[in-house]
Amino acid sequence: MEQLRLGLALLLLAGVASAGDEIPFPVRKSTTASHDGATYYVEGHQRIGKGVTINCKQGIRIVGRGEDPTLEIEGSLIIEGQPRQEVLIENLRIAPVEQFFEVRIEWTRMQSGSIATLEGGAGGKLSIDSTTVVGPVDLTFRDGRIRILTSEFRGPVTLRGVPPAGKSGSRVKIDINHCCSKDRQSGVDLRAGFHSGLNIERVPQVLVRGCWLANGKYEFEDCGKLTFDGNTLAASQTEFRQTSAGRFRRTKITKCDFHDGKVKFIAPAGPKADKVILEKCWFAGMTDPTDIRSKMVHDGTGDPECGVTAVFRKTNERPLGIGGSPR
C-alpha cells in the first residue's frame, strides 16, 4: 500500500494527472497546465514570477481557495481554451503587478472572481478574447496595451490610465473591438458585449468599435484620441467628458446607434466652444438636431457652463446595427 501511495505521488509530481484531480496551480517555473478535466487551485496570494510563463489549455478548471485568492502576474499567464472547451475560472482574482510581461485570456469563462490590478497600477500587455467575465474588471495601467475582442462582461468594467513616475500622462493604448453577437468564425454565441457599464479614464489612445453597450453607465473621461465607431448603445446614460477646455478635437463618433438614455458632452467653457462631430449616427429615429438635443443629447447649446457643442452630420433614419440590435 505504501508503495502504491508513493507511485501515485510520483506520477502527480511528474505532471501525469487525470480528470477529477486537484492540483496546486504551478507558479515557480514555466510549464503547461493541460490535464483535461483537472482542477488547479490557487490558495491565498500566489505569484507567477519574472521570466516564468504558465500556459493553460482547454478543459481545465482554475479555482481560488482561502482568504482573498489572488494570482499575481509578473511574468506571463496564457490561457488558451477552445470553442465549447473553455477554461473555467472560479473565485479568483487575476492581478497584473506593477511591471508584468503578458496576460492573454482566450476562450475562458470566469464564473466568479475578478481581473484587477494591485494598488499603484501596472504596465504590460493584456488581452481578452472570446471570453465571458461575470465579475468586475478594474485595471489601472501606466503603460502598455489593453486589447479586448469578442468578449462578454456582465460586471462593470473600469480602465484607467495613470502617469509613470516623472511623466505627465499615462502611456497606455486601449483597443476594444467587436464585443457583440457571436464569434463569426466558430459560430459560438457568446452574448458578447458590455452589460453593466464601461468607464475609461485618462487614456491617451482609445478605440471602441462594433460593440454592444447596454445597461449601466458608460463614461469616457479625458481620453486623448478617442475613436468611437459602429457601437450600439442601449444604456441609461453615456458621457463624454473632458476636464480641460479644447480637448475634444481628437474625438470621433461615427456610425453609432443610440437607442436609449441621455448622451452628455461635458467640458468647461473656454474662449471658443469645442466641437464634437457625430457622423452617420442614429438617435432613436430622430433626425432633427433640435429634437435630438431636447430628448437625448446634452451639450453646450443652451448651457453657458458647457464648452462643447455636438455637430450632427448625415444622421441616419434607420439603425445600422453594427454593434448589434436590442435583445
C-alpha atoms as a PDB file:
ATOM      1  CA  MET A   1       0.000   0.000   0.000  1.00  0.00           C
ATOM      2  CA  GLU A   2       2.814   2.380   0.867  1.00  0.00           C
ATOM      3  CA  GLN A   3       4.474   1.654  -2.485  1.00  0.00           C
ATOM      4  CA  LEU A   4       1.181   2.426  -4.281  1.00  0.00           C
ATOM      5  CA  ARG A   5       0.870   5.773  -2.492  1.00  0.00           C
ATOM      6  CA  LEU A   6       4.460   6.632  -3.363  1.00  0.00           C
ATOM      7  CA  GLY A   7       3.862   5.754  -7.010  1.00  0.00           C
ATOM      8  CA  LEU A   8       0.772   7.983  -7.208  1.00  0.00           C
ATOM      9  CA  ALA A   9       2.657  10.873  -5.639  1.00  0.00           C
ATOM     10  CA  LEU A  10       5.492  10.490  -8.145  1.00  0.00           C
ATOM     11  CA  LEU A  11       3.015  10.482 -11.030  1.00  0.00           C
ATOM     12  CA  LEU A  12       1.478  13.746  -9.824  1.00  0.00           C
ATOM     13  CA  LEU A  13       4.879  15.332  -9.377  1.00  0.00           C
ATOM     14  CA  ALA A  14       5.773  14.256 -12.896  1.00  0.00           C
ATOM     15  CA  GLY A  15       2.676  16.013 -14.218  1.00  0.00           C
ATOM     16  CA  VAL A  16       0.594  12.909 -15.038  1.00  0.00           C
ATOM     17  CA  ALA A  17      -2.919  13.638 -13.827  1.00  0.00           C
ATOM     18  CA  SER A  18      -6.428  12.695 -14.852  1.00  0.00           C
ATOM     19  CA  ALA A  19      -9.945  14.088 -14.748  1.00  0.00           C
ATOM     20  CA  GLY A  20     -11.060  14.920 -11.235  1.00  0.00           C
ATOM     21  CA  ASP A  21      -7.572  15.541  -9.851  1.00  0.00           C
ATOM     22  CA  GLU A  22      -6.974  18.687  -7.786  1.00  0.00           C
ATOM     23  CA  ILE A  23      -3.506  20.133  -8.342  1.00  0.00           C
ATOM     24  CA  PRO A  24      -1.784  23.234  -6.935  1.00  0.00           C
ATOM     25  CA  PHE A  25      -1.566  25.846  -9.671  1.00  0.00           C
ATOM     26  CA  PRO A  26       2.055  25.985 -10.895  1.00  0.00           C
ATOM     27  CA  VAL A  27       3.827  29.321 -10.457  1.00  0.00           C
ATOM     28  CA  ARG A  28       7.525  28.652  -9.810  1.00  0.00           C
ATOM     29  CA  LYS A  29       8.753  27.630 -13.275  1.00  0.00           C
ATOM     30  CA  SER A  30       7.463  27.723 -16.837  1.00  0.00           C
ATOM     31  CA  THR A  31       5.089  24.890 -17.610  1.00  0.00           C
ATOM     32  CA  THR A  32       1.774  23.938 -19.223  1.00  0.00           C
ATOM     33  CA  ALA A  33      -1.358  23.159 -17.212  1.00  0.00           C
ATOM     34  CA  SER A  34      -3.187  20.844 -19.581  1.00  0.00           C
ATOM     35  CA  HIS A  35      -4.636  17.869 -17.718  1.00  0.00           C
ATOM     36  CA  ASP A  36      -8.120  17.695 -19.232  1.00  0.00           C
ATOM     37  CA  GLY A  37     -10.810  17.739 -16.562  1.00  0.00           C
ATOM     38  CA  ALA A  38      -8.399  18.522 -13.725  1.00  0.00           C
ATOM     39  CA  THR A  39      -8.866  21.323 -11.199  1.00  0.00           C
ATOM     40  CA  TYR A  40      -5.927  23.604 -10.444  1.00  0.00           C
ATOM     41  CA  TYR A  41      -6.269  25.612  -7.245  1.00  0.00           C
ATOM     42  CA  VAL A  42      -4.736  28.895  -6.079  1.00  0.00           C
ATOM     43  CA  GLU A  43      -4.630  29.279  -2.313  1.00  0.00           C
ATOM     44  CA  GLY A  44      -4.159  32.782  -0.933  1.00  0.00           C
ATOM     45  CA  HIS A  45      -1.737  35.003  -2.880  1.00  0.00           C
ATOM     46  CA  GLN A  46       0.459  33.250  -5.456  1.00  0.00           C
ATOM     47  CA  ARG A  47       2.768  34.956  -7.974  1.00  0.00           C
ATOM     48  CA  ILE A  48       3.956  33.968 -11.443  1.00  0.00           C
ATOM     49  CA  GLY A  49       7.437  35.443 -11.229  1.00  0.00           C
ATOM     50  CA  LYS A  50       9.509  37.359 -13.733  1.00  0.00           C
ATOM     51  CA  GLY A  51      10.593  35.195 -16.670  1.00  0.00           C
ATOM     52  CA  VAL A  52       8.025  32.470 -15.874  1.00  0.00           C
ATOM     53  CA  THR A  53       5.311  31.556 -18.399  1.00  0.00           C
ATOM     54  CA  ILE A  54       2.309  29.444 -17.387  1.00  0.00           C
ATOM     55  CA  ASN A  55       0.246  28.184 -20.315  1.00  0.00           C
ATOM     56  CA  CYS A  56      -3.249  26.866 -19.513  1.00  0.00           C
ATOM     57  CA  LYS A  57      -5.049  24.669 -22.046  1.00  0.00           C
ATOM     58  CA  GLN A  58      -8.695  23.816 -22.704  1.00  0.00           C
ATOM     59  CA  GLY A  59     -10.707  21.561 -20.447  1.00  0.00           C
ATOM     60  CA  ILE A  60      -9.197  22.573 -17.116  1.00  0.00           C
ATOM     61  CA  ARG A  61     -10.692  24.412 -14.154  1.00  0.00           C
ATOM     62  CA  ILE A  62      -8.888  27.002 -12.010  1.00  0.00           C
ATOM     63  CA  VAL A  63     -10.330  27.845  -8.597  1.00  0.00           C
ATOM     64  CA  GLY A  64      -9.341  30.126  -5.744  1.00  0.00           C
ATOM     65  CA  ARG A  65      -9.247  28.926  -2.152  1.00  0.00           C
ATOM     66  CA  GLY A  66      -8.807  30.558   1.211  1.00  0.00           C
ATOM     67  CA  GLU A  67      -8.854  34.263   2.004  1.00  0.00           C
ATOM     68  CA  ASP A  68      -8.573  36.644  -0.979  1.00  0.00           C
ATOM     69  CA  PRO A  69      -7.287  34.082  -3.503  1.00  0.00           C
ATOM     70  CA  THR A  70      -5.164  36.052  -5.976  1.00  0.00           C
ATOM     71  CA  LEU A  71      -2.937  35.042  -8.871  1.00  0.00           C
ATOM     72  CA  GLU A  72      -0.382  37.847  -9.262  1.00  0.00           C
ATOM     73  CA  ILE A  73       1.252  38.072 -12.680  1.00  0.00           C
ATOM     74  CA  GLU A  74       4.802  39.351 -13.074  1.00  0.00           C
ATOM     75  CA  GLY A  75       5.814  37.001 -15.886  1.00  0.00           C
ATOM     76  CA  SER A  76       3.217  35.607 -18.332  1.00  0.00           C
ATOM     77  CA  LEU A  77      -0.158  33.924 -17.937  1.00  0.00           C
ATOM     78  CA  ILE A  78      -1.504  32.433 -21.182  1.00  0.00           C
ATOM     79  CA  ILE A  79      -4.960  30.840 -21.013  1.00  0.00           C
ATOM     80  CA  GLU A  80      -5.983  29.165 -24.265  1.00  0.00           C
ATOM     81  CA  GLY A  81      -9.354  27.476 -24.176  1.00  0.00           C
ATOM     82  CA  GLN A  82     -11.194  26.387 -27.294  1.00  0.00           C
ATOM     83  CA  PRO A  83     -14.767  26.855 -28.571  1.00  0.00           C
ATOM     84  CA  ARG A  84     -17.014  24.602 -26.445  1.00  0.00           C
ATOM     85  CA  GLN A  85     -13.943  23.581 -24.424  1.00  0.00           C
ATOM     86  CA  GLU A  86     -13.439  26.687 -22.350  1.00  0.00           C
ATOM     87  CA  VAL A  87     -11.156  27.070 -19.378  1.00  0.00           C
ATOM     88  CA  LEU A  88     -13.316  27.654 -16.279  1.00  0.00           C
ATOM     89  CA  ILE A  89     -12.198  30.055 -13.530  1.00  0.00           C
ATOM     90  CA  GLU A  90     -13.962  30.443 -10.180  1.00  0.00           C
ATOM     91  CA  ASN A  91     -13.421  32.630  -7.121  1.00  0.00           C
ATOM     92  CA  LEU A  92     -10.080  34.014  -8.272  1.00  0.00           C
ATOM     93  CA  ARG A  93      -8.585  37.463  -8.770  1.00  0.00           C
ATOM     94  CA  ILE A  94      -6.160  37.722 -11.683  1.00  0.00           C
ATOM     95  CA  ALA A  95      -3.843  40.620 -10.832  1.00  0.00           C
ATOM     96  CA  PRO A  96      -1.140  42.023 -13.151  1.00  0.00           C
ATOM     97  CA  VAL A  97       1.568  43.582 -10.969  1.00  0.00           C
ATOM     98  CA  GLU A  98       3.499  46.838 -11.333  1.00  0.00           C
ATOM     99  CA  GLN A  99       5.514  45.556 -14.296  1.00  0.00           C
ATOM    100  CA  PHE A 100       4.443  42.306 -15.959  1.00  0.00           C
ATOM    101  CA  PHE A 101       5.116  40.761 -19.350  1.00  0.00           C
ATOM    102  CA  GLU A 102       1.790  39.389 -20.630  1.00  0.00           C
ATOM    103  CA  VAL A 103      -1.689  38.248 -19.674  1.00  0.00           C
ATOM    104  CA  ARG A 104      -3.605  36.596 -22.504  1.00  0.00           C
ATOM    105  CA  ILE A 105      -7.026  35.055 -21.874  1.00  0.00           C
ATOM    106  CA  GLU A 106      -8.833  33.255 -24.720  1.00  0.00           C
ATOM    107  CA  TRP A 107     -12.000  31.148 -24.714  1.00  0.00           C
ATOM    108  CA  THR A 108     -12.354  31.284 -20.964  1.00  0.00           C
ATOM    109  CA  ARG A 109     -15.328  31.572 -18.635  1.00  0.00           C
ATOM    110  CA  MET A 110     -14.688  33.468 -15.406  1.00  0.00           C
ATOM    111  CA  GLN A 111     -17.752  32.405 -13.446  1.00  0.00           C
ATOM    112  CA  SER A 112     -16.719  34.399 -10.373  1.00  0.00           C
ATOM    113  CA  GLY A 113     -13.763  36.478  -9.246  1.00  0.00           C
ATOM    114  CA  SER A 114     -12.250  39.489 -10.999  1.00  0.00           C
ATOM    115  CA  ILE A 115      -9.476  40.867 -13.170  1.00  0.00           C
ATOM    116  CA  ALA A 116      -7.928  43.751 -11.235  1.00  0.00           C
ATOM    117  CA  THR A 117      -4.540  45.381 -10.844  1.00  0.00           C
ATOM    118  CA  LEU A 118      -2.902  45.815  -7.460  1.00  0.00           C
ATOM    119  CA  GLU A 119      -2.589  49.220  -5.833  1.00  0.00           C
ATOM    120  CA  GLY A 120      -0.370  51.577  -7.833  1.00  0.00           C
ATOM    121  CA  GLY A 121      -1.242  50.255 -11.271  1.00  0.00           C
ATOM    122  CA  ALA A 122       0.576  48.099 -13.796  1.00  0.00           C
ATOM    123  CA  GLY A 123       2.412  48.103 -17.101  1.00  0.00           C
ATOM    124  CA  GLY A 124       2.457  45.368 -19.727  1.00  0.00           C
ATOM    125  CA  LYS A 125       0.324  43.606 -22.358  1.00  0.00           C
ATOM    126  CA  LEU A 126      -3.151  42.308 -21.548  1.00  0.00           C
ATOM    127  CA  SER A 127      -5.628  40.769 -23.983  1.00  0.00           C
ATOM    128  CA  ILE A 128      -9.041  39.181 -23.522  1.00  0.00           C
ATOM    129  CA  ASP A 129     -10.557  37.306 -26.457  1.00  0.00           C
ATOM    130  CA  SER A 130     -13.775  35.275 -26.800  1.00  0.00           C
ATOM    131  CA  THR A 131     -14.192  35.213 -23.025  1.00  0.00           C
ATOM    132  CA  THR A 132     -17.032  35.688 -20.542  1.00  0.00           C
ATOM    133  CA  VAL A 133     -16.281  37.599 -17.331  1.00  0.00           C
ATOM    134  CA  VAL A 134     -19.118  37.564 -14.800  1.00  0.00           C
ATOM    135  CA  GLY A 135     -17.384  39.646 -12.116  1.00  0.00           C
ATOM    136  CA  PRO A 136     -15.828  43.131 -12.260  1.00  0.00           C
ATOM    137  CA  VAL A 137     -12.812  44.243 -14.267  1.00  0.00           C
ATOM    138  CA  ASP A 138     -10.809  47.081 -12.673  1.00  0.00           C
ATOM    139  CA  LEU A 139      -7.484  47.869 -14.329  1.00  0.00           C
ATOM    140  CA  THR A 140      -5.138  50.804 -13.774  1.00  0.00           C
ATOM    141  CA  PHE A 141      -2.250  50.967 -16.274  1.00  0.00           C
ATOM    142  CA  ARG A 142       0.744  53.294 -16.521  1.00  0.00           C
ATOM    143  CA  ASP A 143       1.898  51.986 -19.901  1.00  0.00           C
ATOM    144  CA  GLY A 144       1.369  49.080 -22.247  1.00  0.00           C
ATOM    145  CA  ARG A 145      -1.691  47.875 -24.120  1.00  0.00           C
ATOM    146  CA  ILE A 146      -5.138  46.506 -23.299  1.00  0.00           C
ATOM    147  CA  ARG A 147      -6.851  44.607 -26.114  1.00  0.00           C
ATOM    148  CA  ILE A 148     -10.405  43.236 -25.827  1.00  0.00           C
ATOM    149  CA  LEU A 149     -12.104  41.271 -28.612  1.00  0.00           C
ATOM    150  CA  THR A 150     -15.459  39.444 -28.905  1.00  0.00           C
ATOM    151  CA  SER A 151     -15.952  39.108 -25.157  1.00  0.00           C
ATOM    152  CA  GLU A 152     -18.837  39.394 -22.703  1.00  0.00           C
ATOM    153  CA  PHE A 153     -18.700  41.420 -19.492  1.00  0.00           C
ATOM    154  CA  ARG A 154     -21.580  41.020 -17.066  1.00  0.00           C
ATOM    155  CA  GLY A 155     -19.988  43.142 -14.345  1.00  0.00           C
ATOM    156  CA  PRO A 156     -18.752  46.744 -14.525  1.00  0.00           C
ATOM    157  CA  VAL A 157     -15.516  47.420 -16.412  1.00  0.00           C
ATOM    158  CA  THR A 158     -13.148  50.252 -15.386  1.00  0.00           C
ATOM    159  CA  LEU A 159      -9.961  51.025 -17.314  1.00  0.00           C
ATOM    160  CA  ARG A 160      -7.756  53.872 -16.019  1.00  0.00           C
ATOM    161  CA  GLY A 161      -4.514  55.433 -17.088  1.00  0.00           C
ATOM    162  CA  VAL A 162      -2.042  56.896 -14.596  1.00  0.00           C
ATOM    163  CA  PRO A 163       1.292  58.551 -15.398  1.00  0.00           C
ATOM    164  CA  PRO A 164       4.546  56.671 -14.880  1.00  0.00           C
ATOM    165  CA  ALA A 165       6.981  58.214 -12.414  1.00  0.00           C
ATOM    166  CA  GLY A 166       8.244  61.566 -13.699  1.00  0.00           C
ATOM    167  CA  LYS A 167       5.758  61.722 -16.603  1.00  0.00           C
ATOM    168  CA  SER A 168       2.719  63.913 -17.116  1.00  0.00           C
ATOM    169  CA  GLY A 169       0.379  61.286 -18.552  1.00  0.00           C
ATOM    170  CA  SER A 170      -0.179  57.578 -18.990  1.00  0.00           C
ATOM    171  CA  ARG A 171       1.236  55.674 -21.947  1.00  0.00           C
ATOM    172  CA  VAL A 172      -1.424  53.044 -22.426  1.00  0.00           C
ATOM    173  CA  LYS A 173      -3.356  52.138 -25.562  1.00  0.00           C
ATOM    174  CA  ILE A 174      -6.801  50.515 -25.407  1.00  0.00           C
ATOM    175  CA  ASP A 175      -8.423  48.624 -28.311  1.00  0.00           C
ATOM    176  CA  ILE A 176     -11.939  47.218 -27.812  1.00  0.00           C
ATOM    177  CA  ASN A 177     -13.319  45.502 -30.900  1.00  0.00           C
ATOM    178  CA  HIS A 178     -16.407  43.519 -31.938  1.00  0.00           C
ATOM    179  CA  CYS A 179     -17.789  42.803 -28.469  1.00  0.00           C
ATOM    180  CA  CYS A 180     -21.210  41.884 -29.858  1.00  0.00           C
ATOM    181  CA  SER A 181     -23.344  38.972 -31.051  1.00  0.00           C
ATOM    182  CA  LYS A 182     -21.345  35.881 -31.800  1.00  0.00           C
ATOM    183  CA  ASP A 183     -17.903  34.800 -32.891  1.00  0.00           C
ATOM    184  CA  ARG A 184     -18.299  34.717 -36.644  1.00  0.00           C
ATOM    185  CA  GLN A 185     -15.560  32.166 -37.283  1.00  0.00           C
ATOM    186  CA  SER A 186     -16.638  29.491 -34.792  1.00  0.00           C
ATOM    187  CA  GLY A 187     -20.362  30.304 -34.745  1.00  0.00           C
ATOM    188  CA  VAL A 188     -20.459  30.129 -30.938  1.00  0.00           C
ATOM    189  CA  ASP A 189     -22.996  32.513 -29.366  1.00  0.00           C
ATOM    190  CA  LEU A 190     -21.147  34.455 -26.658  1.00  0.00           C
ATOM    191  CA  ARG A 191     -23.741  37.177 -25.993  1.00  0.00           C
ATOM    192  CA  ALA A 192     -20.652  39.342 -26.194  1.00  0.00           C
ATOM    193  CA  GLY A 193     -20.801  42.964 -25.117  1.00  0.00           C
ATOM    194  CA  PHE A 194     -20.795  45.147 -22.041  1.00  0.00           C
ATOM    195  CA  HIS A 195     -23.850  44.596 -19.859  1.00  0.00           C
ATOM    196  CA  SER A 196     -23.135  46.650 -16.708  1.00  0.00           C
ATOM    197  CA  GLY A 197     -21.209  49.727 -17.808  1.00  0.00           C
ATOM    198  CA  LEU A 198     -17.779  50.786 -19.027  1.00  0.00           C
ATOM    199  CA  ASN A 199     -15.611  53.569 -17.616  1.00  0.00           C
ATOM    200  CA  ILE A 200     -12.392  54.672 -19.359  1.00  0.00           C
ATOM    201  CA  GLU A 201     -10.345  57.455 -17.767  1.00  0.00           C
ATOM    202  CA  ARG A 202      -7.185  59.364 -18.710  1.00  0.00           C
ATOM    203  CA  VAL A 203      -6.062  57.103 -21.546  1.00  0.00           C
ATOM    204  CA  PRO A 204      -4.233  58.808 -24.459  1.00  0.00           C
ATOM    205  CA  GLN A 205      -5.472  56.458 -27.204  1.00  0.00           C
ATOM    206  CA  VAL A 206      -8.790  54.591 -27.152  1.00  0.00           C
ATOM    207  CA  LEU A 207     -10.663  52.629 -29.814  1.00  0.00           C
ATOM    208  CA  VAL A 208     -14.163  51.238 -29.159  1.00  0.00           C
ATOM    209  CA  ARG A 209     -15.590  49.715 -32.328  1.00  0.00           C
ATOM    210  CA  GLY A 210     -18.518  47.453 -33.162  1.00  0.00           C
ATOM    211  CA  CYS A 211     -19.608  46.858 -29.549  1.00  0.00           C
ATOM    212  CA  TRP A 212     -22.855  46.266 -27.692  1.00  0.00           C
ATOM    213  CA  LEU A 213     -23.125  48.661 -24.713  1.00  0.00           C
ATOM    214  CA  ALA A 214     -26.210  48.132 -22.562  1.00  0.00           C
ATOM    215  CA  ASN A 215     -27.497  48.899 -19.082  1.00  0.00           C
ATOM    216  CA  GLY A 216     -25.352  50.723 -16.558  1.00  0.00           C
ATOM    217  CA  LYS A 217     -23.386  53.880 -17.304  1.00  0.00           C
ATOM    218  CA  TYR A 218     -20.751  54.476 -19.979  1.00  0.00           C
ATOM    219  CA  GLU A 219     -18.155  57.170 -19.280  1.00  0.00           C
ATOM    220  CA  PHE A 220     -15.148  58.352 -21.274  1.00  0.00           C
ATOM    221  CA  GLU A 221     -13.148  60.966 -19.380  1.00  0.00           C
ATOM    222  CA  ASP A 222     -10.007  62.775 -20.527  1.00  0.00           C
ATOM    223  CA  CYS A 223      -9.353  60.350 -23.365  1.00  0.00           C
ATOM    224  CA  GLY A 224      -6.784  61.880 -25.734  1.00  0.00           C
ATOM    225  CA  LYS A 225      -7.602  60.322 -29.101  1.00  0.00           C
ATOM    226  CA  LEU A 226     -10.980  58.560 -28.893  1.00  0.00           C
ATOM    227  CA  THR A 227     -12.429  56.648 -31.848  1.00  0.00           C
ATOM    228  CA  PHE A 228     -15.987  55.546 -31.072  1.00  0.00           C
ATOM    229  CA  ASP A 229     -17.286  53.754 -34.152  1.00  0.00           C
ATOM    230  CA  GLY A 230     -20.120  51.384 -35.036  1.00  0.00           C
ATOM    231  CA  ASN A 231     -21.374  50.849 -31.486  1.00  0.00           C
ATOM    232  CA  THR A 232     -24.906  50.135 -30.296  1.00  0.00           C
ATOM    233  CA  LEU A 233     -25.914  51.868 -27.060  1.00  0.00           C
ATOM    234  CA  ALA A 234     -28.933  50.805 -25.042  1.00  0.00           C
ATOM    235  CA  ALA A 235     -27.729  52.385 -21.808  1.00  0.00           C
ATOM    236  CA  SER A 236     -29.251  54.708 -19.226  1.00  0.00           C
ATOM    237  CA  GLN A 237     -26.500  57.297 -19.715  1.00  0.00           C
ATOM    238  CA  THR A 238     -23.396  57.867 -21.803  1.00  0.00           C
ATOM    239  CA  GLU A 239     -20.922  60.646 -21.001  1.00  0.00           C
ATOM    240  CA  PHE A 240     -18.011  62.007 -22.988  1.00  0.00           C
ATOM    241  CA  ARG A 241     -16.131  64.348 -20.671  1.00  0.00           C
ATOM    242  CA  GLN A 242     -13.010  66.494 -20.758  1.00  0.00           C
ATOM    243  CA  THR A 243     -11.862  68.284 -17.601  1.00  0.00           C
ATOM    244  CA  SER A 244      -9.909  70.908 -19.600  1.00  0.00           C
ATOM    245  CA  ALA A 245     -11.249  73.142 -22.366  1.00  0.00           C
ATOM    246  CA  GLY A 246     -10.372  72.496 -26.004  1.00  0.00           C
ATOM    247  CA  ARG A 247      -9.591  68.795 -25.785  1.00  0.00           C
ATOM    248  CA  PHE A 248     -12.446  67.280 -27.804  1.00  0.00           C
ATOM    249  CA  ARG A 249     -10.794  67.862 -31.172  1.00  0.00           C
ATOM    250  CA  ARG A 250      -9.495  64.249 -31.350  1.00  0.00           C
ATOM    251  CA  THR A 251     -12.839  62.623 -30.506  1.00  0.00           C
ATOM    252  CA  LYS A 252     -14.541  60.861 -33.452  1.00  0.00           C
ATOM    253  CA  ILE A 253     -18.030  59.380 -33.112  1.00  0.00           C
ATOM    254  CA  THR A 254     -19.318  57.635 -36.225  1.00  0.00           C
ATOM    255  CA  LYS A 255     -21.969  55.082 -37.288  1.00  0.00           C
ATOM    256  CA  CYS A 256     -23.336  54.517 -33.783  1.00  0.00           C
ATOM    257  CA  ASP A 257     -26.927  53.645 -32.804  1.00  0.00           C
ATOM    258  CA  PHE A 258     -28.210  55.444 -29.689  1.00  0.00           C
ATOM    259  CA  HIS A 259     -31.340  53.616 -28.566  1.00  0.00           C
ATOM    260  CA  ASP A 260     -31.983  54.843 -25.032  1.00  0.00           C
ATOM    261  CA  GLY A 261     -30.942  57.234 -22.324  1.00  0.00           C
ATOM    262  CA  LYS A 262     -29.059  60.517 -22.270  1.00  0.00           C
ATOM    263  CA  VAL A 263     -25.854  61.244 -24.173  1.00  0.00           C
ATOM    264  CA  LYS A 264     -23.849  64.002 -22.491  1.00  0.00           C
ATOM    265  CA  PHE A 265     -20.878  66.001 -23.740  1.00  0.00           C
ATOM    266  CA  ILE A 266     -19.194  67.836 -20.880  1.00  0.00           C
ATOM    267  CA  ALA A 267     -16.249  70.272 -20.839  1.00  0.00           C
ATOM    268  CA  PRO A 268     -15.508  73.556 -19.079  1.00  0.00           C
ATOM    269  CA  ALA A 269     -16.239  76.696 -21.068  1.00  0.00           C
ATOM    270  CA  GLY A 270     -13.254  78.203 -22.882  1.00  0.00           C
ATOM    271  CA  PRO A 271     -12.609  81.173 -25.198  1.00  0.00           C
ATOM    272  CA  LYS A 272     -14.122  79.173 -28.045  1.00  0.00           C
ATOM    273  CA  ALA A 273     -16.588  76.283 -27.965  1.00  0.00           C
ATOM    274  CA  ASP A 274     -15.148  72.860 -28.729  1.00  0.00           C
ATOM    275  CA  LYS A 275     -16.959  70.746 -31.306  1.00  0.00           C
ATOM    276  CA  VAL A 276     -17.706  67.034 -31.496  1.00  0.00           C
ATOM    277  CA  ILE A 277     -18.913  65.669 -34.829  1.00  0.00           C
ATOM    278  CA  LEU A 278     -21.417  62.794 -34.716  1.00  0.00           C
ATOM    279  CA  GLU A 279     -21.466  61.400 -38.239  1.00  0.00           C
ATOM    280  CA  LYS A 280     -23.858  58.815 -39.682  1.00  0.00           C
ATOM    281  CA  CYS A 281     -25.340  58.084 -36.253  1.00  0.00           C
ATOM    282  CA  TRP A 282     -28.910  57.061 -35.357  1.00  0.00           C
ATOM    283  CA  PHE A 283     -30.818  58.661 -32.486  1.00  0.00           C
ATOM    284  CA  ALA A 284     -33.933  56.563 -31.820  1.00  0.00           C
ATOM    285  CA  GLY A 285     -35.403  57.622 -35.160  1.00  0.00           C
ATOM    286  CA  MET A 286     -34.924  61.396 -34.723  1.00  0.00           C
ATOM    287  CA  THR A 287     -33.137  63.351 -37.441  1.00  0.00           C
ATOM    288  CA  ASP A 288     -33.772  66.994 -36.487  1.00  0.00           C
ATOM    289  CA  PRO A 289     -30.921  68.358 -34.291  1.00  0.00           C
ATOM    290  CA  THR A 290     -33.387  70.321 -32.157  1.00  0.00           C
ATOM    291  CA  ASP A 291     -35.357  67.162 -31.354  1.00  0.00           C
ATOM    292  CA  ILE A 292     -32.203  65.170 -30.696  1.00  0.00           C
ATOM    293  CA  ARG A 293     -30.920  67.773 -28.242  1.00  0.00           C
ATOM    294  CA  SER A 294     -34.239  68.220 -26.456  1.00  0.00           C
ATOM    295  CA  LYS A 295     -34.796  64.491 -25.933  1.00  0.00           C
ATOM    296  CA  MET A 296     -31.414  62.775 -25.950  1.00  0.00           C
ATOM    297  CA  VAL A 297     -28.193  64.797 -26.355  1.00  0.00           C
ATOM    298  CA  HIS A 298     -26.907  67.335 -23.829  1.00  0.00           C
ATOM    299  CA  ASP A 299     -24.162  69.739 -24.932  1.00  0.00           C
ATOM    300  CA  GLY A 300     -23.229  73.418 -24.682  1.00  0.00           C
ATOM    301  CA  THR A 301     -26.257  74.566 -26.668  1.00  0.00           C
ATOM    302  CA  GLY A 302     -28.270  76.459 -24.109  1.00  0.00           C
ATOM    303  CA  ASP A 303     -25.761  75.697 -21.308  1.00  0.00           C
ATOM    304  CA  PRO A 304     -23.176  78.500 -20.992  1.00  0.00           C
ATOM    305  CA  GLU A 305     -21.129  76.478 -18.491  1.00  0.00           C
ATOM    306  CA  CYS A 306     -20.540  73.679 -21.018  1.00  0.00           C
ATOM    307  CA  GLY A 307     -17.801  74.336 -23.562  1.00  0.00           C
ATOM    308  CA  VAL A 308     -18.563  71.687 -26.170  1.00  0.00           C
ATOM    309  CA  THR A 309     -21.138  71.558 -28.960  1.00  0.00           C
ATOM    310  CA  ALA A 310     -22.346  68.435 -30.767  1.00  0.00           C
ATOM    311  CA  VAL A 311     -22.496  68.701 -34.570  1.00  0.00           C
ATOM    312  CA  PHE A 312     -24.766  66.212 -36.368  1.00  0.00           C
ATOM    313  CA  ARG A 313     -23.807  65.098 -39.883  1.00  0.00           C
ATOM    314  CA  LYS A 314     -25.663  62.693 -42.160  1.00  0.00           C
ATOM    315  CA  THR A 315     -27.896  61.460 -39.340  1.00  0.00           C
ATOM    316  CA  ASN A 316     -29.372  58.052 -40.141  1.00  0.00           C
ATOM    317  CA  GLU A 317     -33.093  57.417 -40.342  1.00  0.00           C
ATOM    318  CA  ARG A 318     -32.636  53.723 -39.519  1.00  0.00           C
ATOM    319  CA  PRO A 319     -30.292  51.956 -37.122  1.00  0.00           C
ATOM    320  CA  LEU A 320     -27.197  50.419 -38.647  1.00  0.00           C
ATOM    321  CA  GLY A 321     -26.958  47.571 -36.131  1.00  0.00           C
ATOM    322  CA  ILE A 322     -23.192  47.265 -36.446  1.00  0.00           C
ATOM    323  CA  GLY A 323     -22.842  46.713 -32.694  1.00  0.00           C
ATOM    324  CA  GLY A 324     -25.954  44.518 -32.508  1.00  0.00           C
ATOM    325  CA  SER A 325     -29.676  45.088 -32.040  1.00  0.00           C
ATOM    326  CA  PRO A 326     -31.708  45.273 -28.805  1.00  0.00           C
ATOM    327  CA  ARG A 327     -32.205  41.767 -27.426  1.00  0.00           C
END
